[in-house]
N, C-alpha and C. Protein backbone atom coordinates (compact mmCIF):
# COMPACT_ATOMS: atom_id res chain seq x y z
N ASP A 1 71.24 -11.84 -76.43
CA ASP A 1 72.03 -10.96 -77.27
C ASP A 1 71.86 -9.50 -76.86
N GLY A 2 70.62 -9.15 -76.50
CA GLY A 2 70.34 -7.77 -76.12
C GLY A 2 71.11 -7.33 -74.88
N LEU A 3 71.21 -8.22 -73.90
CA LEU A 3 71.94 -7.87 -72.67
C LEU A 3 73.42 -7.69 -72.96
N SER A 4 73.97 -8.49 -73.85
CA SER A 4 75.38 -8.32 -74.23
C SER A 4 75.59 -6.99 -74.94
N ALA A 5 74.65 -6.63 -75.80
CA ALA A 5 74.76 -5.37 -76.53
C ALA A 5 74.70 -4.18 -75.58
N ILE A 6 73.89 -4.29 -74.53
CA ILE A 6 73.81 -3.21 -73.55
C ILE A 6 75.18 -2.97 -72.91
N ASP A 7 75.91 -4.04 -72.68
CA ASP A 7 77.22 -3.92 -72.03
C ASP A 7 78.29 -3.38 -72.98
N THR A 8 78.22 -3.76 -74.26
CA THR A 8 79.27 -3.35 -75.19
C THR A 8 78.98 -2.03 -75.89
N GLN A 9 77.71 -1.77 -76.16
CA GLN A 9 77.31 -0.52 -76.82
C GLN A 9 76.04 0.00 -76.18
N PRO A 10 76.16 0.59 -74.99
CA PRO A 10 74.96 1.04 -74.27
C PRO A 10 74.12 2.02 -75.09
N PRO A 11 72.84 1.74 -75.22
CA PRO A 11 71.95 2.66 -75.95
C PRO A 11 71.58 3.85 -75.07
N ASP A 12 71.00 4.86 -75.70
CA ASP A 12 70.52 6.03 -74.96
C ASP A 12 69.24 5.71 -74.20
N CYS A 13 68.48 4.76 -74.72
CA CYS A 13 67.20 4.39 -74.14
C CYS A 13 66.88 2.96 -74.56
N ILE A 14 66.11 2.26 -73.73
CA ILE A 14 65.71 0.89 -74.04
C ILE A 14 64.19 0.82 -74.00
N VAL A 15 63.61 0.15 -75.01
CA VAL A 15 62.19 -0.18 -75.00
C VAL A 15 62.12 -1.69 -75.04
N THR A 16 61.50 -2.30 -74.03
CA THR A 16 61.45 -3.75 -73.95
C THR A 16 60.04 -4.23 -73.62
N ASP A 17 59.72 -5.38 -74.14
CA ASP A 17 58.47 -6.02 -73.77
C ASP A 17 58.69 -6.69 -72.41
N LEU A 18 57.65 -6.84 -71.64
CA LEU A 18 57.79 -7.50 -70.36
C LEU A 18 57.98 -9.01 -70.55
N LEU A 19 57.22 -9.61 -71.46
CA LEU A 19 57.33 -11.03 -71.73
C LEU A 19 57.85 -11.26 -73.14
N MET A 20 58.97 -12.03 -73.24
CA MET A 20 59.59 -12.34 -74.52
C MET A 20 59.90 -13.84 -74.55
N PRO A 21 60.12 -14.40 -75.73
CA PRO A 21 60.36 -15.84 -75.82
C PRO A 21 61.58 -16.34 -75.03
N ASP A 22 62.65 -15.59 -75.00
CA ASP A 22 63.88 -16.06 -74.36
C ASP A 22 64.26 -15.27 -73.12
N GLY A 23 63.32 -14.64 -72.49
CA GLY A 23 63.61 -13.84 -71.30
C GLY A 23 62.45 -12.93 -71.01
N ASP A 24 62.72 -11.92 -70.18
CA ASP A 24 61.65 -10.96 -69.90
C ASP A 24 62.22 -9.61 -69.52
N GLY A 25 61.35 -8.65 -69.48
CA GLY A 25 61.76 -7.29 -69.14
C GLY A 25 62.32 -7.17 -67.73
N PHE A 26 61.87 -8.05 -66.83
CA PHE A 26 62.44 -8.04 -65.47
C PHE A 26 63.92 -8.34 -65.52
N GLN A 27 64.33 -9.28 -66.37
CA GLN A 27 65.74 -9.62 -66.52
C GLN A 27 66.54 -8.43 -67.03
N VAL A 28 65.97 -7.70 -67.97
CA VAL A 28 66.65 -6.52 -68.50
C VAL A 28 66.86 -5.50 -67.37
N LEU A 29 65.82 -5.22 -66.61
CA LEU A 29 65.92 -4.25 -65.52
C LEU A 29 66.91 -4.72 -64.46
N LYS A 30 66.88 -5.98 -64.11
CA LYS A 30 67.82 -6.51 -63.11
C LYS A 30 69.26 -6.42 -63.62
N HIS A 31 69.46 -6.73 -64.90
CA HIS A 31 70.80 -6.64 -65.50
C HIS A 31 71.33 -5.21 -65.41
N LEU A 32 70.49 -4.25 -65.74
CA LEU A 32 70.91 -2.84 -65.67
C LEU A 32 71.30 -2.47 -64.25
N ASN A 33 70.51 -2.90 -63.27
CA ASN A 33 70.82 -2.62 -61.87
C ASN A 33 72.14 -3.23 -61.46
N GLU A 34 72.34 -4.52 -61.79
CA GLU A 34 73.56 -5.21 -61.41
C GLU A 34 74.79 -4.60 -62.07
N ALA A 35 74.63 -4.10 -63.29
CA ALA A 35 75.75 -3.49 -64.02
C ALA A 35 75.94 -2.02 -63.66
N GLY A 36 75.03 -1.47 -62.85
CA GLY A 36 75.12 -0.06 -62.46
C GLY A 36 74.84 0.90 -63.59
N LYS A 37 74.10 0.46 -64.59
CA LYS A 37 73.80 1.31 -65.75
C LYS A 37 72.50 2.07 -65.52
N LYS A 38 72.51 3.33 -65.83
CA LYS A 38 71.35 4.20 -65.67
C LYS A 38 70.79 4.57 -67.04
N ILE A 39 70.25 3.57 -67.73
CA ILE A 39 69.68 3.78 -69.06
C ILE A 39 68.17 3.83 -68.91
N PRO A 40 67.52 4.92 -69.35
CA PRO A 40 66.07 4.98 -69.26
C PRO A 40 65.45 3.80 -70.00
N THR A 41 64.60 3.04 -69.29
CA THR A 41 64.02 1.84 -69.87
C THR A 41 62.50 1.91 -69.79
N VAL A 42 61.88 1.77 -70.96
CA VAL A 42 60.42 1.78 -71.07
C VAL A 42 59.97 0.33 -71.26
N VAL A 43 59.07 -0.11 -70.41
CA VAL A 43 58.59 -1.49 -70.45
C VAL A 43 57.18 -1.50 -71.04
N LEU A 44 56.97 -2.36 -72.05
CA LEU A 44 55.65 -2.55 -72.64
C LEU A 44 55.05 -3.82 -72.08
N THR A 45 53.77 -3.81 -71.76
CA THR A 45 53.13 -4.99 -71.22
C THR A 45 51.64 -5.01 -71.49
N ALA A 46 51.10 -6.21 -71.59
CA ALA A 46 49.65 -6.38 -71.65
C ALA A 46 49.09 -6.63 -70.26
N ASP A 47 49.97 -6.72 -69.29
CA ASP A 47 49.58 -6.99 -67.90
C ASP A 47 49.05 -5.70 -67.26
N PHE A 48 47.85 -5.76 -66.72
CA PHE A 48 47.23 -4.58 -66.12
C PHE A 48 47.29 -4.59 -64.61
N GLN A 49 48.00 -5.54 -64.02
CA GLN A 49 48.06 -5.63 -62.57
C GLN A 49 48.98 -4.55 -62.00
N GLN A 50 48.51 -3.85 -61.02
CA GLN A 50 49.32 -2.79 -60.41
C GLN A 50 50.61 -3.34 -59.81
N GLU A 51 50.58 -4.57 -59.30
CA GLU A 51 51.77 -5.20 -58.72
C GLU A 51 52.88 -5.31 -59.76
N THR A 52 52.53 -5.65 -60.98
CA THR A 52 53.52 -5.80 -62.05
C THR A 52 54.13 -4.44 -62.38
N ILE A 53 53.28 -3.44 -62.49
CA ILE A 53 53.76 -2.09 -62.79
C ILE A 53 54.66 -1.59 -61.65
N ASP A 54 54.25 -1.82 -60.42
CA ASP A 54 55.05 -1.39 -59.26
C ASP A 54 56.41 -2.09 -59.24
N LEU A 55 56.44 -3.39 -59.55
CA LEU A 55 57.71 -4.12 -59.56
C LEU A 55 58.64 -3.57 -60.63
N CYS A 56 58.12 -3.30 -61.80
CA CYS A 56 58.94 -2.71 -62.86
C CYS A 56 59.54 -1.38 -62.40
N LYS A 57 58.72 -0.55 -61.79
CA LYS A 57 59.18 0.76 -61.28
C LYS A 57 60.26 0.57 -60.21
N GLN A 58 60.03 -0.40 -59.30
CA GLN A 58 61.01 -0.66 -58.24
C GLN A 58 62.35 -1.10 -58.83
N LEU A 59 62.30 -1.80 -59.95
CA LEU A 59 63.52 -2.26 -60.60
C LEU A 59 64.15 -1.19 -61.48
N GLY A 60 63.51 -0.03 -61.56
CA GLY A 60 64.13 1.10 -62.26
C GLY A 60 63.54 1.47 -63.60
N ALA A 61 62.40 0.90 -63.96
CA ALA A 61 61.78 1.28 -65.23
C ALA A 61 61.46 2.77 -65.24
N PHE A 62 61.78 3.42 -66.33
CA PHE A 62 61.46 4.84 -66.48
C PHE A 62 59.94 5.00 -66.58
N GLU A 63 59.33 4.08 -67.32
CA GLU A 63 57.88 4.12 -67.50
C GLU A 63 57.41 2.72 -67.88
N VAL A 64 56.17 2.40 -67.55
CA VAL A 64 55.55 1.13 -67.93
C VAL A 64 54.31 1.51 -68.73
N ILE A 65 54.21 0.97 -69.95
CA ILE A 65 53.09 1.31 -70.82
C ILE A 65 52.30 0.04 -71.10
N GLN A 66 51.02 0.14 -70.89
CA GLN A 66 50.14 -0.96 -71.27
C GLN A 66 49.97 -0.92 -72.78
N LYS A 67 50.12 -2.06 -73.42
CA LYS A 67 50.20 -2.13 -74.88
C LYS A 67 49.06 -1.44 -75.62
N GLU A 68 47.88 -1.48 -75.08
CA GLU A 68 46.77 -0.84 -75.80
C GLU A 68 46.91 0.68 -75.87
N ARG A 69 47.81 1.25 -75.06
CA ARG A 69 48.01 2.70 -75.05
C ARG A 69 49.28 3.13 -75.76
N VAL A 70 50.06 2.20 -76.31
CA VAL A 70 51.37 2.51 -76.87
C VAL A 70 51.31 3.60 -77.92
N LYS A 71 50.42 3.50 -78.86
CA LYS A 71 50.42 4.47 -79.96
C LYS A 71 50.12 5.90 -79.49
N PHE A 72 49.54 6.03 -78.32
CA PHE A 72 49.21 7.36 -77.83
C PHE A 72 50.28 7.96 -76.93
N THR A 73 51.16 7.13 -76.39
CA THR A 73 52.07 7.64 -75.36
C THR A 73 53.54 7.41 -75.62
N LEU A 74 53.92 6.48 -76.46
CA LEU A 74 55.33 6.11 -76.60
C LEU A 74 56.22 7.28 -77.02
N GLY A 75 55.78 8.06 -77.99
CA GLY A 75 56.59 9.19 -78.45
C GLY A 75 56.87 10.19 -77.34
N ASP A 76 55.86 10.54 -76.57
CA ASP A 76 56.03 11.49 -75.47
C ASP A 76 56.94 10.92 -74.39
N ILE A 77 56.78 9.64 -74.08
CA ILE A 77 57.60 9.02 -73.05
C ILE A 77 59.05 8.95 -73.49
N LEU A 78 59.30 8.58 -74.73
CA LEU A 78 60.69 8.53 -75.22
C LEU A 78 61.33 9.90 -75.21
N ALA A 79 60.58 10.91 -75.56
CA ALA A 79 61.12 12.28 -75.50
C ALA A 79 61.54 12.64 -74.08
N ARG A 80 60.71 12.30 -73.09
CA ARG A 80 61.06 12.58 -71.70
C ARG A 80 62.25 11.74 -71.26
N ALA A 81 62.28 10.46 -71.67
CA ALA A 81 63.37 9.57 -71.27
C ALA A 81 64.71 10.07 -71.80
N LEU A 82 64.68 10.70 -72.95
CA LEU A 82 65.91 11.19 -73.58
C LEU A 82 66.19 12.64 -73.22
N GLY A 83 65.44 13.17 -72.27
CA GLY A 83 65.72 14.50 -71.74
C GLY A 83 65.01 15.63 -72.44
N GLY A 84 64.07 15.32 -73.32
CA GLY A 84 63.32 16.36 -74.02
C GLY A 84 62.01 16.64 -73.30
N LYS A 85 61.27 17.53 -73.86
CA LYS A 85 59.95 17.85 -73.30
C LYS A 85 58.90 17.01 -73.99
N PRO A 86 57.84 16.64 -73.27
CA PRO A 86 56.76 15.84 -73.88
C PRO A 86 56.01 16.61 -74.93
């Protein structure tokens, strides 16, 4: 449903988990690339592997946040993603 919504009513910014019950954040990033959409996307993950973070960035993630740090960084990252100052 989320991917359909992106196509019909593109948001200003997307915050997605990397692993979800019916898909994953990689699918979201790939969908944005295939559709040519440049929507800042913040990926949340419990995965600490640098390879995972690098792949998200290669697919166009604006930022990748490890879940244990979310409460300290999400507000600043969203401000930057939306063109504001941190």
